[in-house]
Amino acid sequence: ATQPSPPRSATMPKAARMYPADDVSKPLRKPNTLKPTKLRASIAPGQVLILLAGRFKGKRVVFLKQLESGLLLVTGPFKVNGVPLRRVNQRYVIATSTKVDVAGADVAAVGDAYFKREAAAKGKKGEDEFFAEGGEKKEVAAAKVETQKKVDAAIAGKLDATMKGYLGSRFSLKSGQYPHEMVF
């Protein structure tokens, strides 16, 4: 006759002999400090970049400077390819080896505050306003138009016809072309 084995019990952790008093303070967790975004080594002022996302994807633009937020300030120039002064994340650009002279372009006044939107007046919308067709087209501020013209004049004035054609053309891939095998 076999004897039944004793019942197995899960090992329980021992209770602490002493509990900490309520007034023992725990060290506070330090919040992560925001570090400025590093600029990619292949990007320098005057570098021609290819935009990969957004409204102007495929367009070639000129890099002007890095803003405090870490975003890149780029322009078409607007007269050449229709891209205005814009902020772009450097993850969404391909840097090319082509450079443009941007020495005369004064973009010191352009910062993140330049791109802040004006607060729209909030009001109760009635049925008529809700279903109104068209709506008013927003006008670009005169100061922004003036800044764009100054930057464009400084950059586009130094471009020859070939470079204007290059900046005006869109980047696209044909079948059999792979971006990881290309040299920009």
C-alpha atoms as a PDB file:
ATOM      1  CA  ALA A   1       0.000   0.000   0.000  1.00  0.00           C
ATOM      2  CA  THR A   2       1.339   3.419  -0.975  1.00  0.00           C
ATOM      3  CA  GLN A   3       1.133   6.336   1.376  1.00  0.00           C
ATOM      4  CA  PRO A   4      -0.379   9.597   0.085  1.00  0.00           C
ATOM      5  CA  SER A   5       2.242  12.305  -0.361  1.00  0.00           C
ATOM      6  CA  PRO A   6       1.886  15.412   1.798  1.00  0.00           C
ATOM      7  CA  PRO A   7       0.028  18.281   0.076  1.00  0.00           C
ATOM      8  CA  ARG A   8       2.333  20.721  -1.712  1.00  0.00           C
ATOM      9  CA  SER A   9       2.113  24.368  -0.805  1.00  0.00           C
ATOM     10  CA  ALA A  10       3.325  27.301  -2.811  1.00  0.00           C
ATOM     11  CA  THR A  11       6.170  29.146  -1.168  1.00  0.00           C
ATOM     12  CA  MET A  12       4.850  32.399   0.212  1.00  0.00           C
ATOM     13  CA  PRO A  13       7.131  35.378   0.740  1.00  0.00           C
ATOM     14  CA  LYS A  14       7.749  36.150   4.370  1.00  0.00           C
ATOM     15  CA  ALA A  15       6.049  39.200   5.775  1.00  0.00           C
ATOM     16  CA  ALA A  16       8.352  42.099   6.527  1.00  0.00           C
ATOM     17  CA  ARG A  17       9.336  42.303  10.170  1.00  0.00           C
ATOM     18  CA  MET A  18       9.335  46.072  10.155  1.00  0.00           C
ATOM     19  CA  TYR A  19       7.186  48.461   8.170  1.00  0.00           C
ATOM     20  CA  PRO A  20       8.553  51.911   7.278  1.00  0.00           C
ATOM     21  CA  ALA A  21       7.092  54.873   9.114  1.00  0.00           C
ATOM     22  CA  ASP A  22       4.822  57.211   7.218  1.00  0.00           C
ATOM     23  CA  ASP A  23       7.261  60.100   7.352  1.00  0.00           C
ATOM     24  CA  VAL A  24       9.989  58.337   5.337  1.00  0.00           C
ATOM     25  CA  SER A  25      10.110  60.283   2.076  1.00  0.00           C
ATOM     26  CA  LYS A  26      10.616  58.531  -1.226  1.00  0.00           C
ATOM     27  CA  PRO A  27      13.051  60.187  -3.639  1.00  0.00           C
ATOM     28  CA  LEU A  28      11.182  62.102  -6.314  1.00  0.00           C
ATOM     29  CA  ARG A  29      11.481  60.866  -9.876  1.00  0.00           C
ATOM     30  CA  LYS A  30      13.277  63.428 -12.000  1.00  0.00           C
ATOM     31  CA  PRO A  31      11.320  64.446 -15.091  1.00  0.00           C
ATOM     32  CA  ASN A  32      12.980  63.868 -18.424  1.00  0.00           C
ATOM     33  CA  THR A  33      14.675  67.039 -19.583  1.00  0.00           C
ATOM     34  CA  LEU A  34      14.079  68.121 -23.154  1.00  0.00           C
ATOM     35  CA  LYS A  35      17.293  68.063 -25.118  1.00  0.00           C
ATOM     36  CA  PRO A  36      17.607  70.102 -28.296  1.00  0.00           C
ATOM     37  CA  THR A  37      17.214  68.013 -31.435  1.00  0.00           C
ATOM     38  CA  LYS A  38      20.507  67.257 -33.141  1.00  0.00           C
ATOM     39  CA  LEU A  39      20.727  68.348 -36.740  1.00  0.00           C
ATOM     40  CA  ARG A  40      21.537  65.493 -39.101  1.00  0.00           C
ATOM     41  CA  ALA A  41      25.145  65.663 -40.334  1.00  0.00           C
ATOM     42  CA  SER A  42      24.053  65.668 -43.988  1.00  0.00           C
ATOM     43  CA  ILE A  43      21.919  68.813 -43.526  1.00  0.00           C
ATOM     44  CA  ALA A  44      23.497  72.288 -43.607  1.00  0.00           C
ATOM     45  CA  PRO A  45      22.116  75.758 -44.484  1.00  0.00           C
ATOM     46  CA  GLY A  46      21.684  76.019 -48.250  1.00  0.00           C
ATOM     47  CA  GLN A  47      21.300  72.254 -48.690  1.00  0.00           C
ATOM     48  CA  VAL A  48      18.610  71.138 -51.131  1.00  0.00           C
ATOM     49  CA  LEU A  49      16.194  68.704 -49.432  1.00  0.00           C
ATOM     50  CA  ILE A  50      13.433  66.517 -50.848  1.00  0.00           C
ATOM     51  CA  LEU A  51      10.185  66.567 -48.862  1.00  0.00           C
ATOM     52  CA  LEU A  52       8.746  63.097 -48.269  1.00  0.00           C
ATOM     53  CA  ALA A  53       5.373  63.865 -46.680  1.00  0.00           C
ATOM     54  CA  GLY A  54       2.680  66.491 -46.510  1.00  0.00           C
ATOM     55  CA  ARG A  55       1.161  68.800 -49.043  1.00  0.00           C
ATOM     56  CA  PHE A  56       4.438  69.402 -50.850  1.00  0.00           C
ATOM     57  CA  LYS A  57       5.755  65.826 -50.936  1.00  0.00           C
ATOM     58  CA  GLY A  58       8.249  65.247 -53.717  1.00  0.00           C
ATOM     59  CA  LYS A  59       9.183  68.929 -53.892  1.00  0.00           C
ATOM     60  CA  ARG A  60      12.777  70.054 -53.637  1.00  0.00           C
ATOM     61  CA  VAL A  61      13.307  72.820 -51.082  1.00  0.00           C
ATOM     62  CA  VAL A  62      16.211  74.845 -49.675  1.00  0.00           C
ATOM     63  CA  PHE A  63      17.109  74.439 -45.984  1.00  0.00           C
ATOM     64  CA  LEU A  64      17.570  77.758 -44.173  1.00  0.00           C
ATOM     65  CA  LYS A  65      18.050  77.009 -40.464  1.00  0.00           C
ATOM     66  CA  GLN A  66      16.983  74.821 -37.543  1.00  0.00           C
ATOM     67  CA  LEU A  67      14.354  76.340 -35.257  1.00  0.00           C
ATOM     68  CA  GLU A  68      14.304  76.185 -31.437  1.00  0.00           C
ATOM     69  CA  SER A  69      11.727  73.372 -31.581  1.00  0.00           C
ATOM     70  CA  GLY A  70      14.155  71.215 -33.586  1.00  0.00           C
ATOM     71  CA  LEU A  71      12.163  71.547 -36.810  1.00  0.00           C
ATOM     72  CA  LEU A  72      13.812  72.652 -40.051  1.00  0.00           C
ATOM     73  CA  LEU A  73      12.964  75.960 -41.714  1.00  0.00           C
ATOM     74  CA  VAL A  74      12.733  75.456 -45.487  1.00  0.00           C
ATOM     75  CA  THR A  75      11.540  77.443 -48.476  1.00  0.00           C
ATOM     76  CA  GLY A  76      10.916  76.624 -52.162  1.00  0.00           C
ATOM     77  CA  PRO A  77      11.666  79.507 -53.029  1.00  0.00           C
ATOM     78  CA  PHE A  78       7.966  80.269 -53.496  1.00  0.00           C
ATOM     79  CA  LYS A  79       8.459  81.949 -56.885  1.00  0.00           C
ATOM     80  CA  VAL A  80      10.351  78.901 -58.194  1.00  0.00           C
ATOM     81  CA  ASN A  81       8.246  75.942 -57.039  1.00  0.00           C
ATOM     82  CA  GLY A  82       5.392  77.246 -54.877  1.00  0.00           C
ATOM     83  CA  VAL A  83       6.690  76.080 -51.486  1.00  0.00           C
ATOM     84  CA  PRO A  84       6.433  78.882 -48.890  1.00  0.00           C
ATOM     85  CA  LEU A  85       8.472  79.223 -45.703  1.00  0.00           C
ATOM     86  CA  ARG A  86       7.635  76.037 -43.808  1.00  0.00           C
ATOM     87  CA  ARG A  87       8.644  74.022 -40.766  1.00  0.00           C
ATOM     88  CA  VAL A  88       9.516  70.396 -41.493  1.00  0.00           C
ATOM     89  CA  ASN A  89      10.619  67.521 -39.286  1.00  0.00           C
ATOM     90  CA  GLN A  90      14.009  66.224 -40.453  1.00  0.00           C
ATOM     91  CA  ARG A  91      12.650  62.674 -40.462  1.00  0.00           C
ATOM     92  CA  TYR A  92      10.528  63.611 -43.478  1.00  0.00           C
ATOM     93  CA  VAL A  93      13.306  64.870 -45.741  1.00  0.00           C
ATOM     94  CA  ILE A  94      16.061  63.393 -47.881  1.00  0.00           C
ATOM     95  CA  ALA A  95      19.213  65.513 -47.978  1.00  0.00           C
ATOM     96  CA  THR A  96      20.806  65.876 -51.398  1.00  0.00           C
ATOM     97  CA  SER A  97      24.407  66.816 -52.167  1.00  0.00           C
ATOM     98  CA  THR A  98      23.234  69.973 -53.985  1.00  0.00           C
ATOM     99  CA  LYS A  99      23.847  73.293 -52.226  1.00  0.00           C
ATOM    100  CA  VAL A 100      22.497  76.789 -52.818  1.00  0.00           C
ATOM    101  CA  ASP A 101      23.975  80.082 -51.551  1.00  0.00           C
ATOM    102  CA  VAL A 102      21.705  81.445 -48.784  1.00  0.00           C
ATOM    103  CA  ALA A 103      24.100  84.055 -47.379  1.00  0.00           C
ATOM    104  CA  GLY A 104      21.846  87.032 -48.163  1.00  0.00           C
ATOM    105  CA  ALA A 105      18.637  85.494 -46.778  1.00  0.00           C
ATOM    106  CA  ASP A 106      17.741  87.112 -43.434  1.00  0.00           C
ATOM    107  CA  VAL A 107      15.692  84.565 -41.484  1.00  0.00           C
ATOM    108  CA  ALA A 108      16.627  85.708 -37.965  1.00  0.00           C
ATOM    109  CA  ALA A 109      13.097  87.034 -37.382  1.00  0.00           C
ATOM    110  CA  VAL A 110      11.493  83.739 -38.415  1.00  0.00           C
ATOM    111  CA  GLY A 111      11.004  81.408 -35.459  1.00  0.00           C
ATOM    112  CA  ASP A 112       8.380  79.033 -34.119  1.00  0.00           C
ATOM    113  CA  ALA A 113       6.195  81.989 -33.073  1.00  0.00           C
ATOM    114  CA  TYR A 114       6.064  83.096 -36.740  1.00  0.00           C
ATOM    115  CA  PHE A 115       4.036  79.964 -37.553  1.00  0.00           C
ATOM    116  CA  LYS A 116       1.565  80.294 -34.671  1.00  0.00           C
ATOM    117  CA  ARG A 117      -2.004  80.534 -35.903  1.00  0.00           C
ATOM    118  CA  GLU A 118      -4.265  83.419 -35.054  1.00  0.00           C
ATOM    119  CA  ALA A 119      -7.099  82.447 -32.726  1.00  0.00           C
ATOM    120  CA  ALA A 120     -10.420  82.490 -34.556  1.00  0.00           C
ATOM    121  CA  ALA A 121     -13.332  84.273 -32.903  1.00  0.00           C
ATOM    122  CA  LYS A 122     -15.587  81.616 -31.506  1.00  0.00           C
ATOM    123  CA  GLY A 123     -19.281  82.203 -31.741  1.00  0.00           C
ATOM    124  CA  LYS A 124     -22.460  80.196 -31.797  1.00  0.00           C
ATOM    125  CA  LYS A 125     -22.991  78.832 -35.287  1.00  0.00           C
ATOM    126  CA  GLY A 126     -26.549  78.765 -36.450  1.00  0.00           C
ATOM    127  CA  GLU A 127     -28.018  76.530 -39.093  1.00  0.00           C
ATOM    128  CA  ASP A 128     -27.377  79.071 -41.845  1.00  0.00           C
ATOM    129  CA  GLU A 129     -23.660  79.431 -41.011  1.00  0.00           C
ATOM    130  CA  PHE A 130     -23.222  75.672 -40.661  1.00  0.00           C
ATOM    131  CA  PHE A 131     -24.577  74.937 -44.125  1.00  0.00           C
ATOM    132  CA  ALA A 132     -23.164  78.061 -45.797  1.00  0.00           C
ATOM    133  CA  GLU A 133     -21.220  77.207 -48.928  1.00  0.00           C
ATOM    134  CA  GLY A 134     -17.784  78.476 -49.779  1.00  0.00           C
ATOM    135  CA  GLY A 135     -16.914  80.393 -46.668  1.00  0.00           C
ATOM    136  CA  GLU A 136     -14.363  83.160 -46.532  1.00  0.00           C
ATOM    137  CA  LYS A 137     -10.920  82.432 -47.879  1.00  0.00           C
ATOM    138  CA  LYS A 138      -8.251  83.198 -45.305  1.00  0.00           C
ATOM    139  CA  GLU A 139      -5.833  85.903 -46.363  1.00  0.00           C
ATOM    140  CA  VAL A 140      -2.129  85.478 -45.628  1.00  0.00           C
ATOM    141  CA  ALA A 141      -0.815  88.195 -43.319  1.00  0.00           C
ATOM    142  CA  ALA A 142       0.980  91.010 -45.134  1.00  0.00           C
ATOM    143  CA  ALA A 143       4.046  90.623 -42.884  1.00  0.00           C
ATOM    144  CA  LYS A 144       4.380  86.951 -43.875  1.00  0.00           C
ATOM    145  CA  VAL A 145       4.102  87.800 -47.580  1.00  0.00           C
ATOM    146  CA  GLU A 146       6.777  90.477 -47.134  1.00  0.00           C
ATOM    147  CA  THR A 147       9.127  88.062 -45.320  1.00  0.00           C
ATOM    148  CA  GLN A 148       8.602  85.449 -48.045  1.00  0.00           C
ATOM    149  CA  LYS A 149       9.427  87.977 -50.770  1.00  0.00           C
ATOM    150  CA  LYS A 150      12.632  89.097 -49.010  1.00  0.00           C
ATOM    151  CA  VAL A 151      13.865  85.514 -48.515  1.00  0.00           C
ATOM    152  CA  ASP A 152      12.910  84.555 -52.090  1.00  0.00           C
ATOM    153  CA  ALA A 153      14.710  87.564 -53.556  1.00  0.00           C
ATOM    154  CA  ALA A 154      17.899  86.697 -51.642  1.00  0.00           C
ATOM    155  CA  ILE A 155      17.888  83.043 -52.743  1.00  0.00           C
ATOM    156  CA  ALA A 156      16.247  83.049 -56.185  1.00  0.00           C
ATOM    157  CA  GLY A 157      18.436  85.949 -57.353  1.00  0.00           C
ATOM    158  CA  LYS A 158      21.510  83.724 -57.129  1.00  0.00           C
ATOM    159  CA  LEU A 159      19.972  80.722 -58.942  1.00  0.00           C
ATOM    160  CA  ASP A 160      20.746  80.014 -62.572  1.00  0.00           C
ATOM    161  CA  ALA A 161      18.167  78.570 -64.992  1.00  0.00           C
ATOM    162  CA  THR A 162      19.375  74.981 -64.466  1.00  0.00           C
ATOM    163  CA  MET A 163      19.020  75.210 -60.682  1.00  0.00           C
ATOM    164  CA  LYS A 164      15.569  76.798 -60.996  1.00  0.00           C
ATOM    165  CA  GLY A 165      14.530  73.903 -63.235  1.00  0.00           C
ATOM    166  CA  TYR A 166      15.953  71.406 -60.716  1.00  0.00           C
ATOM    167  CA  LEU A 167      14.141  72.990 -57.766  1.00  0.00           C
ATOM    168  CA  GLY A 168      10.938  73.264 -59.792  1.00  0.00           C
ATOM    169  CA  SER A 169      10.907  69.568 -60.744  1.00  0.00           C
ATOM    170  CA  ARG A 170       9.272  66.965 -58.540  1.00  0.00           C
ATOM    171  CA  PHE A 171      11.129  63.945 -57.204  1.00  0.00           C
ATOM    172  CA  SER A 172       9.552  60.594 -58.057  1.00  0.00           C
ATOM    173  CA  LEU A 173      10.617  56.998 -58.455  1.00  0.00           C
ATOM    174  CA  LYS A 174      10.117  54.924 -61.580  1.00  0.00           C
ATOM    175  CA  SER A 175       9.832  51.132 -61.604  1.00  0.00           C
ATOM    176  CA  GLY A 176      13.148  49.500 -60.831  1.00  0.00           C
ATOM    177  CA  GLN A 177      14.448  52.511 -58.891  1.00  0.00           C
ATOM    178  CA  TYR A 178      15.071  51.967 -55.183  1.00  0.00           C
ATOM    179  CA  PRO A 179      15.829  54.893 -52.857  1.00  0.00           C
ATOM    180  CA  HIS A 180      18.203  52.884 -50.673  1.00  0.00           C
ATOM    181  CA  GLU A 181      20.415  52.233 -53.726  1.00  0.00           C
ATOM    182  CA  MET A 182      20.474  55.887 -54.836  1.00  0.00           C
ATOM    183  CA  VAL A 183      23.065  58.528 -54.110  1.00  0.00           C
ATOM    184  CA  PHE A 184      21.463  61.913 -53.587  1.00  0.00           C
END
